[in-house]
Protein backbone atom coordinates (compact mmCIF):
# COMPACT_ATOMS: atom_id res chain seq x y z
CA MET A 1 -3.70 -47.52 -46.30
CA ARG A 2 -0.18 -45.97 -46.67
CA VAL A 3 0.53 -45.82 -42.93
CA GLY A 4 4.27 -46.19 -43.65
CA ASN A 5 4.67 -43.64 -46.04
CA ILE A 6 2.98 -41.22 -43.90
CA THR A 7 3.87 -41.44 -40.15
CA PRO A 8 7.04 -39.60 -40.30
CA TYR A 9 5.33 -36.52 -41.58
CA PHE A 10 2.63 -37.01 -39.58
CA PHE A 11 4.17 -37.02 -36.25
CA VAL A 12 6.35 -34.09 -37.60
CA ALA A 13 3.29 -32.42 -37.93
CA LEU A 14 2.02 -33.51 -34.38
CA SER A 15 4.51 -32.50 -32.96
CA PHE A 16 4.74 -29.34 -33.75
CA LEU A 17 1.68 -28.56 -33.43
CA MET A 18 1.66 -29.88 -29.53
CA LEU A 19 5.18 -27.32 -29.31
CA THR A 20 3.31 -24.36 -30.63
CA GLY A 21 -0.05 -25.28 -28.55
CA CYS A 22 2.25 -25.99 -25.34
CA GLN A 23 3.53 -22.19 -25.99
CA GLN A 24 0.23 -20.49 -26.66
CA THR A 25 -1.06 -22.03 -23.63
CA GLU A 26 1.91 -20.72 -21.42
CA ILE A 27 1.81 -17.51 -22.58
CA SER A 28 -2.01 -17.35 -22.30
CA GLN A 29 -2.27 -18.52 -19.31
CA LYS A 30 0.70 -16.17 -17.62
CA THR A 31 0.02 -15.06 -13.78
CA ASN A 32 -2.57 -11.34 -14.14
CA ILE A 33 -1.27 -8.81 -10.88
CA LEU A 34 -3.59 -6.53 -9.31
CA ILE A 35 -1.98 -4.16 -6.39
CA LEU A 36 -4.51 -2.09 -4.69
CA CYS A 37 -2.84 0.46 -3.04
CA VAL A 38 -4.83 2.35 -0.24
CA ASP A 39 -3.48 5.65 1.75
CA ASP A 40 -3.27 6.18 5.30
CA LEU A 41 -5.14 3.30 5.89
CA ARG A 42 -3.62 1.93 9.34
CA PRO A 43 -5.14 -2.40 9.78
CA GLU A 44 -8.22 -0.58 10.46
CA LEU A 45 -10.47 -3.88 9.35
CA LYS A 46 -12.81 -5.71 10.65
CA SER A 47 -10.15 -8.40 9.02
CA PHE A 48 -7.96 -7.20 11.09
CA GLY A 49 -9.45 -7.57 14.16
CA ALA A 50 -10.91 -3.90 14.79
CA ASP A 51 -14.54 -5.05 14.83
CA TYR A 52 -16.65 -2.01 14.71
CA ILE A 53 -15.68 -1.32 11.20
CA SER A 54 -17.43 -1.62 8.24
CA SER A 55 -15.46 -2.86 5.72
CA PRO A 56 -16.86 -5.97 4.01
CA ASN A 57 -15.78 -6.21 0.46
CA ILE A 58 -11.42 -6.12 1.84
CA ASP A 59 -12.78 -8.61 4.52
CA ALA A 60 -14.43 -10.49 1.45
CA LEU A 61 -10.48 -10.47 0.07
CA ALA A 62 -9.26 -11.52 3.09
CA ALA A 63 -10.88 -14.90 3.57
CA LYS A 64 -9.57 -15.90 -0.31
CA GLY A 65 -6.49 -15.11 0.29
CA VAL A 66 -3.60 -14.47 3.80
CA ALA A 67 -3.41 -11.69 5.70
CA PHE A 68 -0.55 -10.19 7.03
CA GLN A 69 -1.24 -8.85 10.91
CA ARG A 70 2.04 -8.07 11.01
CA HIS A 71 2.86 -6.40 7.84
CA PHE A 72 5.00 -2.98 8.52
CA VAL A 73 6.09 -0.25 5.59
CA ASN A 74 9.95 0.75 5.32
CA ALA A 75 8.95 4.69 5.64
CA PRO A 76 6.23 6.52 7.48
CA SER A 77 5.43 8.89 4.20
CA CYS A 78 3.32 8.31 1.01
CA GLY A 79 6.50 8.69 -1.21
CA PRO A 80 9.56 7.18 0.61
CA SER A 81 6.69 4.37 1.03
CA ARG A 82 5.26 3.96 -2.03
CA TYR A 83 9.64 4.04 -3.70
CA THR A 84 10.26 0.50 -1.93
CA LEU A 85 7.44 -1.09 -2.90
CA LEU A 86 7.81 -0.07 -6.56
CA THR A 87 11.09 -0.44 -6.48
CA GLY A 88 11.85 -3.07 -3.83
CA GLN A 89 14.68 -1.06 -2.78
CA TYR A 90 15.24 1.12 0.24
CA GLY A 91 15.54 4.80 -0.65
CA PRO A 92 15.68 8.19 0.17
CA ALA A 93 13.17 9.37 2.58
CA GLY A 94 12.06 12.15 1.18
CA ASN A 95 8.63 12.59 -0.53
CA ASN A 96 10.34 13.04 -3.81
CA ALA A 97 11.77 9.66 -3.42
CA LEU A 98 10.50 8.93 -6.82
CA PHE A 99 11.38 12.19 -8.46
CA SER A 100 14.67 12.11 -7.69
CA ARG A 101 14.86 9.03 -8.54
CA ALA A 102 13.67 9.92 -12.36
CA GLN A 103 15.64 12.51 -12.25
CA ASN A 104 18.76 10.00 -11.62
CA MET A 105 17.96 8.18 -14.68
CA LYS A 106 19.36 10.97 -17.10
CA ASP A 107 22.52 10.55 -16.29
CA PRO A 108 23.97 8.19 -18.55
CA THR A 109 26.61 7.27 -16.04
CA ALA A 110 23.71 6.54 -13.40
CA LYS A 111 22.71 2.88 -12.70
CA VAL A 112 18.82 3.29 -11.79
CA ASP A 113 17.94 -0.62 -11.52
CA GLN A 114 14.38 -0.95 -12.97
CA SER A 115 11.42 -0.62 -11.00
CA MET A 116 8.57 -3.14 -10.24
CA PRO A 117 6.53 -2.65 -13.35
CA GLU A 118 9.34 -2.04 -15.31
CA TRP A 119 10.70 -5.67 -14.93
CA PHE A 120 7.17 -7.04 -15.14
CA LYS A 121 6.85 -4.72 -18.72
CA GLU A 122 9.82 -6.73 -20.08
CA GLN A 123 8.38 -9.98 -18.65
CA GLY A 124 5.72 -9.45 -21.22
CA TYR A 125 3.19 -7.17 -19.24
CA THR A 126 0.69 -4.64 -20.04
CA THR A 127 1.53 -2.02 -17.32
CA VAL A 128 -1.07 0.20 -16.24
CA SER A 129 -1.32 2.58 -13.09
CA VAL A 130 -4.44 4.09 -12.29
CA GLY A 131 -5.06 6.69 -9.40
CA LYS A 132 -2.78 7.33 -6.69
CA VAL A 133 0.03 4.74 -7.13
CA SER A 134 3.19 6.44 -6.87
CA HIS A 135 3.44 9.50 -4.78
CA HIS A 136 1.68 12.16 -7.24
CA PRO A 137 -2.07 10.90 -8.36
CA GLY A 138 -1.12 10.26 -11.71
CA GLY A 139 2.75 9.94 -11.78
CA ARG A 140 3.66 13.25 -13.19
CA GLY A 141 4.98 16.62 -11.34
CA GLY A 142 4.58 20.40 -12.20
CA LYS A 143 2.33 23.04 -10.77
CA ASP A 144 -0.32 21.00 -10.70
CA TRP A 145 1.25 17.28 -11.14
CA ASN A 146 0.26 17.54 -15.15
CA ASP A 147 3.20 18.01 -16.76
CA SER A 148 3.49 15.36 -19.15
CA THR A 149 7.49 16.51 -19.15
CA LYS A 150 7.89 15.04 -15.46
CA ILE A 151 7.32 11.42 -15.23
CA GLU A 152 7.68 9.84 -11.74
CA MET A 153 8.92 6.75 -12.83
CA PRO A 154 9.88 6.82 -16.36
CA LYS A 155 9.48 2.98 -18.62
CA ALA A 156 7.09 1.78 -16.10
CA TRP A 157 3.56 1.81 -17.35
CA ASP A 158 2.08 1.77 -20.81
CA ARG A 159 -0.69 4.04 -18.78
CA HIS A 160 -0.42 6.13 -16.63
CA LEU A 161 -3.94 7.64 -15.30
CA MET A 162 -5.36 9.96 -13.06
CA PRO A 163 -8.95 10.65 -14.19
CA VAL A 164 -9.56 14.49 -12.11
CA ALA A 165 -13.35 14.99 -13.31
CA GLU A 166 -14.87 18.16 -11.12
CA TRP A 167 -11.14 18.45 -9.19
CA GLU A 168 -9.28 20.49 -12.62
CA HIS A 169 -5.99 18.44 -12.28
CA PRO A 170 -4.28 15.45 -9.91
CA ARG A 171 -3.44 18.50 -7.28
CA GLY A 172 -6.90 19.36 -6.78
CA ALA A 173 -8.08 15.37 -6.96
CA MET A 174 -5.84 14.34 -4.03
CA HIS A 175 -6.86 17.22 -1.01
CA GLY A 176 -10.54 17.07 -2.62
CA LEU A 177 -13.60 17.58 -1.13
CA ALA A 178 -17.09 16.92 -2.48
CA HIS A 179 -18.67 18.38 -5.68
CA GLY A 180 -14.59 20.00 -6.72
CA GLU A 181 -13.75 21.82 -3.88
CA MET A 182 -9.77 21.78 -4.02
CA ARG A 183 -7.24 23.00 -1.16
CA VAL A 184 -5.84 26.11 -1.82
CA GLN A 185 -5.37 27.01 2.27
CA SER A 186 -5.40 23.99 4.17
CA GLY A 187 -6.21 26.59 7.20
CA ASP A 188 -9.80 27.01 4.51
CA MET A 189 -11.16 23.22 4.38
CA ASP A 190 -12.73 20.93 7.40
CA VAL A 191 -10.60 18.22 8.40
CA PHE A 192 -13.46 16.55 7.53
CA GLN A 193 -16.80 16.49 5.44
CA SER A 194 -19.39 14.75 5.26
CA GLU A 195 -21.93 15.67 2.12
CA GLU A 196 -25.46 13.45 0.85
CA GLY A 197 -24.33 11.79 -2.70
CA GLY A 198 -23.03 8.85 -4.56
CA ASP A 199 -19.49 7.93 -4.31
CA GLU A 200 -18.78 9.98 -7.21
CA ILE A 201 -18.62 13.25 -5.49
CA TYR A 202 -15.22 12.72 -4.14
CA PRO A 203 -12.13 11.93 -6.02
CA ASP A 204 -11.96 8.02 -5.39
CA GLY A 205 -15.44 7.49 -7.44
CA ALA A 206 -13.69 8.34 -10.38
CA ILE A 207 -10.68 7.20 -10.37
CA THR A 208 -12.43 3.98 -9.35
CA ASP A 209 -14.45 4.22 -12.28
CA GLU A 210 -11.51 4.59 -14.51
CA ALA A 211 -9.58 1.23 -12.98
CA VAL A 212 -12.71 -0.49 -13.84
CA LYS A 213 -12.32 0.05 -17.09
CA GLN A 214 -9.53 -0.41 -17.82
CA LEU A 215 -9.72 -3.83 -15.99
CA ARG A 216 -12.57 -4.76 -18.33
CA GLU A 217 -10.16 -3.17 -21.28
CA LEU A 218 -7.32 -5.60 -20.38
CA THR A 219 -9.39 -8.10 -19.97
CA THR A 220 -10.89 -8.31 -23.77
CA HIS A 221 -9.28 -6.80 -25.75
CA ASP A 222 -5.36 -7.44 -24.57
CA ASP A 223 -3.79 -10.78 -25.13
CA LYS A 224 -1.15 -10.09 -22.83
CA PRO A 225 -1.12 -10.21 -18.95
CA PHE A 226 -1.36 -7.31 -17.25
CA PHE A 227 -0.11 -5.72 -14.13
CA LEU A 228 -2.51 -3.59 -13.25
CA ALA A 229 -2.08 -1.27 -10.15
CA VAL A 230 -4.95 1.12 -8.09
CA GLY A 231 -4.59 2.86 -6.30
CA ILE A 232 -7.63 4.30 -3.59
CA ILE A 233 -6.85 8.20 -1.99
CA LYS A 234 -9.13 8.12 1.00
CA PRO A 235 -8.60 7.83 4.20
CA HIS A 236 -6.00 10.66 3.18
CA LEU A 237 -6.84 13.84 5.13
CA PRO A 238 -8.99 15.62 4.70
CA PHE A 239 -11.37 13.10 5.86
CA GLY A 240 -14.64 13.67 3.27
CA ALA A 241 -16.70 10.49 2.37
CA PRO A 242 -20.45 10.32 1.39
CA ARG A 243 -22.46 10.18 3.80
CA SER A 244 -24.38 7.46 3.69
CA TYR A 245 -20.51 5.80 5.07
CA LEU A 246 -20.72 8.09 7.73
CA ASP A 247 -24.38 6.93 8.50
CA ARG A 248 -23.13 3.09 9.04
CA TYR A 249 -21.53 4.33 12.49
CA ASP A 250 -24.54 5.61 13.82
CA GLY A 251 -24.65 3.99 17.58
CA VAL A 252 -21.91 1.99 17.09
CA GLY A 253 -19.24 2.57 19.87
CA LEU A 254 -15.84 3.49 19.24
CA PRO A 255 -12.63 1.45 21.24
CA LYS A 256 -11.00 3.19 23.31
CA VAL A 257 -7.18 4.85 22.48
CA GLU A 258 -4.39 2.98 23.62
CA HIS A 259 -1.55 5.31 25.47
CA PRO A 260 -3.25 8.45 24.28
CA GLN A 261 -0.40 10.76 26.62
CA LYS A 262 2.36 12.58 24.65
CA PRO A 263 5.41 10.26 25.34
CA GLU A 264 8.29 11.11 27.93
CA GLY A 265 11.45 11.78 26.73
CA LYS A 266 12.81 11.48 23.21
CA THR A 267 10.98 9.88 20.81
CA THR A 268 9.84 10.38 17.37
CA TRP A 269 6.73 12.35 18.40
CA HIS A 270 5.83 15.14 16.31
CA ASP A 271 2.78 17.92 17.10
CA SER A 272 0.97 16.44 13.82
CA ALA A 273 1.78 19.31 11.71
CA GLU A 274 -0.42 17.82 8.60
CA PHE A 275 -3.58 16.94 10.69
CA MET A 276 -3.50 20.84 12.62
CA LYS A 277 -3.25 22.84 9.61
CA TYR A 278 -7.03 21.62 8.59
CA ASN A 279 -9.81 23.90 9.68
CA ARG A 280 -10.77 22.33 13.23
CA TRP A 281 -12.41 24.53 14.39
CA GLY A 282 -10.79 25.87 17.10
CA LYS A 283 -10.98 22.14 18.87
CA ASP A 284 -7.72 19.98 19.58
CA PRO A 285 -8.59 16.13 19.75
CA ASN A 286 -5.82 15.82 22.11
CA LYS A 287 -8.10 18.03 24.71
CA ASP A 288 -11.54 17.19 23.43
CA ILE A 289 -12.78 13.87 23.68
CA ASP A 290 -15.83 13.75 21.58
CA PHE A 291 -14.25 16.02 18.70
CA ALA A 292 -11.37 13.37 18.46
CA ASP A 293 -14.35 10.80 18.37
CA GLU A 294 -15.61 12.84 15.56
CA VAL A 295 -12.58 12.47 13.82
CA ARG A 296 -12.17 8.91 14.60
CA TYR A 297 -15.72 8.23 12.74
CA HIS A 298 -14.81 10.46 9.99
CA TYR A 299 -11.71 8.10 9.10
CA ALA A 300 -14.20 5.37 9.64
CA ALA A 301 -16.75 6.64 6.91
CA CYS A 302 -13.36 7.14 4.70
CA VAL A 303 -12.60 3.46 5.36
CA SER A 304 -16.08 2.58 4.40
CA TYR A 305 -15.84 4.76 1.60
CA ALA A 306 -12.27 2.67 0.32
CA ASP A 307 -13.67 -0.38 1.11
CA ALA A 308 -16.34 0.41 -1.50
CA GLN A 309 -14.04 1.61 -4.25
CA VAL A 310 -11.96 -1.81 -3.59
CA GLY A 311 -15.04 -3.74 -3.56
CA LYS A 312 -15.86 -2.24 -7.39
CA VAL A 313 -13.13 -3.12 -8.79
CA LEU A 314 -13.08 -6.26 -7.07
CA ALA A 315 -16.39 -7.17 -8.83
CA GLU A 316 -15.28 -6.30 -12.14
CA LEU A 317 -12.44 -8.78 -12.18
CA LYS A 318 -14.27 -11.71 -10.96
CA ARG A 319 -17.45 -10.37 -13.67
CA SER A 320 -14.66 -10.78 -16.43
CA GLY A 321 -13.58 -13.97 -15.17
CA ALA A 322 -9.84 -12.91 -14.87
CA ASP A 323 -9.61 -13.29 -11.18
CA LYS A 324 -9.39 -17.27 -11.68
CA ASN A 325 -6.41 -16.51 -12.84
CA THR A 326 -4.96 -13.14 -11.09
CA ILE A 327 -2.89 -12.67 -8.23
CA VAL A 328 -4.27 -9.86 -6.14
CA VAL A 329 -2.38 -7.66 -2.94
CA LEU A 330 -4.05 -4.94 -0.92
CA TRP A 331 -1.39 -2.64 0.66
CA GLY A 332 -2.18 0.12 3.09
CA ASP A 333 1.16 2.59 2.51
CA HIS A 334 1.35 2.68 5.86
CA GLY A 335 -0.37 3.84 9.55
CA TRP A 336 -1.55 6.75 11.06
CA HIS A 337 -2.19 7.30 14.29
CA LEU A 338 -5.70 8.41 15.75
CA GLY A 339 -4.82 9.79 19.20
CA GLU A 340 -1.97 7.05 20.11
CA HIS A 341 0.77 8.42 21.84
CA ALA A 342 -1.08 11.96 21.26
CA ILE A 343 -0.60 11.78 17.61
CA TRP A 344 -3.14 12.65 14.88
CA GLY A 345 -0.98 11.99 11.84
CA LYS A 346 1.72 9.68 10.45
CA HIS A 347 5.49 9.86 10.22
CA SER A 348 6.26 8.87 13.53
CA LEU A 349 9.11 5.82 14.16
CA PHE A 350 5.94 4.26 16.38
CA GLU A 351 3.67 0.61 15.51
CA GLU A 352 0.98 2.87 14.85
CA SER A 353 2.61 4.99 11.84
CA LEU A 354 4.21 2.17 10.71
CA ARG A 355 1.88 -1.05 10.58
CA SER A 356 -0.81 -1.54 7.70
CA PRO A 357 -2.75 -4.26 6.52
CA LEU A 358 -0.65 -6.35 3.91
CA ILE A 359 -3.98 -8.87 1.82
CA VAL A 360 -2.62 -11.49 -0.41
CA HIS A 361 -4.68 -14.22 -2.48
CA TYR A 362 -3.52 -16.23 -5.76
CA PRO A 363 -5.88 -19.07 -7.71
CA GLY A 364 -5.63 -22.57 -5.92
CA MET A 365 -3.95 -21.14 -2.54
CA GLU A 366 -4.43 -23.95 0.20
CA HIS A 367 -4.81 -21.32 3.18
CA ALA A 368 -7.99 -19.11 2.14
CA GLY A 369 -8.82 -17.35 5.03
CA ALA A 370 -5.25 -17.89 7.28
CA LYS A 371 -4.19 -15.52 9.39
CA THR A 372 0.18 -14.86 9.62
CA ASP A 373 1.55 -12.92 12.81
CA ALA A 374 4.63 -13.30 10.72
CA VAL A 375 6.93 -10.14 11.05
CA VAL A 376 7.05 -8.71 7.15
CA GLU A 377 7.71 -5.33 5.41
CA THR A 378 6.67 -3.88 1.99
CA LEU A 379 10.21 -4.96 0.54
CA ASP A 380 8.67 -8.32 0.35
CA ILE A 381 6.30 -7.49 -2.04
CA PHE A 382 8.32 -7.09 -5.31
CA PRO A 383 9.82 -10.49 -4.54
CA THR A 384 6.64 -12.27 -3.26
CA LEU A 385 5.05 -11.35 -6.71
CA CYS A 386 7.65 -12.58 -9.11
CA ASP A 387 7.96 -16.24 -7.26
CA LEU A 388 3.94 -16.06 -7.37
CA ALA A 389 4.08 -15.29 -11.18
CA GLY A 390 6.78 -17.63 -12.01
CA ILE A 391 9.17 -15.24 -12.68
CA SER A 392 13.23 -14.41 -11.97
CA THR A 393 13.42 -11.79 -9.07
CA PRO A 394 15.81 -9.18 -10.21
CA GLY A 395 19.08 -10.17 -8.20
CA TYR A 396 19.14 -6.04 -6.85
CA VAL A 397 15.87 -6.35 -5.32
CA GLN A 398 15.92 -6.51 -1.40
CA GLY A 399 13.62 -7.62 0.01
CA VAL A 400 12.60 -11.84 0.48
CA SER A 401 9.28 -13.95 -1.23
CA LEU A 402 7.18 -14.73 1.38
CA LYS A 403 5.78 -17.35 -0.67
CA ASN A 404 6.66 -19.83 1.89
CA ILE A 405 4.64 -18.07 4.97
CA LEU A 406 1.46 -17.88 2.02
CA THR A 407 2.20 -21.72 1.74
CA ALA A 408 2.67 -22.01 5.53
CA PRO A 409 1.20 -19.07 7.73
CA GLU A 410 2.47 -20.56 10.78
CA THR A 411 6.34 -20.05 9.82
CA LEU A 412 8.09 -16.92 11.18
CA GLY A 413 8.67 -14.10 9.30
CA HIS A 414 12.20 -12.09 10.22
CA SER A 415 12.77 -8.30 11.28
CA ALA A 416 11.15 -4.76 9.29
CA ILE A 417 12.79 -1.66 9.11
CA ALA A 418 11.58 1.60 8.40
CA TYR A 419 13.27 5.51 8.68
CA THR A 420 12.61 8.88 8.11
CA ASN A 421 15.70 11.71 7.79
CA ASN A 422 16.95 11.50 10.92
CA ALA A 423 15.86 8.34 12.66
CA SER A 424 15.72 4.42 11.76
CA THR A 425 14.23 1.58 13.73
CA ILE A 426 13.87 -1.93 13.45
CA ARG A 427 10.87 -4.91 14.61
CA THR A 428 11.52 -7.60 15.60
CA SER A 429 8.60 -10.33 16.67
CA THR A 430 9.35 -9.21 20.47
CA HIS A 431 11.04 -5.49 20.32
CA ARG A 432 11.04 -2.21 18.72
CA MET A 433 14.42 -0.55 18.53
CA THR A 434 14.57 3.24 17.19
CA LEU A 435 17.71 4.71 16.26
CA HIS A 436 18.20 8.09 15.97
CA GLU A 437 20.98 10.05 14.38
CA ASP A 438 23.17 11.63 17.48
CA GLY A 439 22.97 7.73 19.03
CA PHE A 440 20.32 7.40 21.26
CA ALA A 441 17.95 4.53 20.90
CA GLU A 442 14.58 4.18 22.19
CA LEU A 443 14.06 -0.09 23.08
CA TYR A 444 10.50 -1.38 23.25
CA ASN A 445 9.20 -4.46 24.91
CA HIS A 446 6.28 -5.87 22.60
CA ALA A 447 5.91 -9.06 24.95
CA THR A 448 4.63 -6.45 27.45
CA ALA A 449 1.75 -4.01 28.44
CA GLU A 450 3.81 -1.22 28.39
CA LYS A 451 5.08 -2.30 24.77
CA GLU A 452 5.64 1.68 22.87
CA THR A 453 5.00 3.73 25.83
CA GLU A 454 8.24 2.48 28.25
CA ASN A 455 11.76 2.70 26.83
CA VAL A 456 14.07 -0.22 28.26
CA ALA A 457 17.30 0.54 26.45
CA GLU A 458 19.20 1.29 29.48
CA GLN A 459 18.53 -1.98 31.10
CA HIS A 460 19.53 -4.27 27.87
CA PRO A 461 22.31 -2.52 26.11
CA GLU A 462 23.50 -5.23 24.48
CA LEU A 463 20.12 -6.23 22.86
CA VAL A 464 20.52 -2.30 21.61
CA GLU A 465 23.64 -3.06 20.13
CA GLU A 466 22.78 -6.25 18.75
CA LEU A 467 19.81 -4.77 16.85
CA THR A 468 21.68 -1.41 16.09
CA HIS A 469 24.07 -3.93 13.84
CA SER A 470 21.02 -5.22 12.20
CA LEU A 471 19.64 -2.18 12.06
CA GLN A 472 22.88 -0.82 10.18
CA ALA A 473 23.95 -3.86 7.98
CA ARG A 474 20.22 -3.35 6.47
CA LEU A 475 20.36 -0.49 5.73
CA GLN A 476 23.80 -0.16 4.28
């Protein structure tokens, strides 16, 4: 054999094959991202301590991941909260936050940093959104939220989808009840409803079917890694879910509502206008305990309905085999008062508006099923996904990666802030301080039984000053 003559060429060829093979392996093994956004979902889940709730699919995800028991959103409303998720930055406090950003992008002199899906797209990902991921389901503006010339997140998504089924358009589906019923006048639409039928009789059934279809497409016909975001609308008002989900609560007792009294003094309390504008048959849940329980049961039914939609998406992920290479995040866009502080809704800066579920799972994680009490915030999701996916984190992101907590759940977190148009708040592991635009401060000690029912600001001026500086420094 002429070994001496072929050996150099052999090793050159072998080196080339090994190099290209490694490159192909690296590309094909880049980690996928699946984000499940659930609207108005307070931590009313069994995996977050609500024992009476039926939430088997989200609980199964929590059993495989890490559940952040003290995750706080950065704004108690859909639009600005989703802005922080999708940009990794603090932003405007109104629901048009992302549309304002889109308008700024049209100005050639304005510097607008890339959104999270835009960043992942630049790293080679196929980006797909289904349902309510940004504020408007489908991410378009106009009268019926379907004007393709008014894009909520330009350059972000390869496909930005919102199936509407019987509800005609995204605006109709957003507040839709069974069998195509759409909101025209809020007072003519029941605040809750439960009709016989399958999941498809409410809008989330169509959203989930499309999400499963997109996931199948991404895992069978797309060689690139995917960044898929799925937005489930329920349990958003009005509380409508198939009857079978309400039936799960027959004979199930409800826990008592904590601190149901309207707070005294200056707070961010409001009169629950979003809830009260619906048809309530002349009843007020703050005065009628039986009606309050009816509302809570229907909210629970919507949580179980949303949980079932999450389960369908996760089942398809597993069926495809892509679960072995996919980071999964479940995120609630904010909390929701169910009578605490005599509020029915979000929009306050109390704990119930700001605390929401966050679950993170990634293949091979060491602490599957762990719960952490670290205080974290929505801003942290963008850098965490970059860190877990092994891509660089852009310098403009204002959150911090949670990878160290995922690998050691006992790790301490950091303070979390949130804001409305006229007040802002900071939450530490022991206190919440809320600062109004006129300088008035609320300070609550979460280490006491009173928690957010007793303002102790006057007794602790040094702590108020310290937290005020921290809050203002973060917002600047």
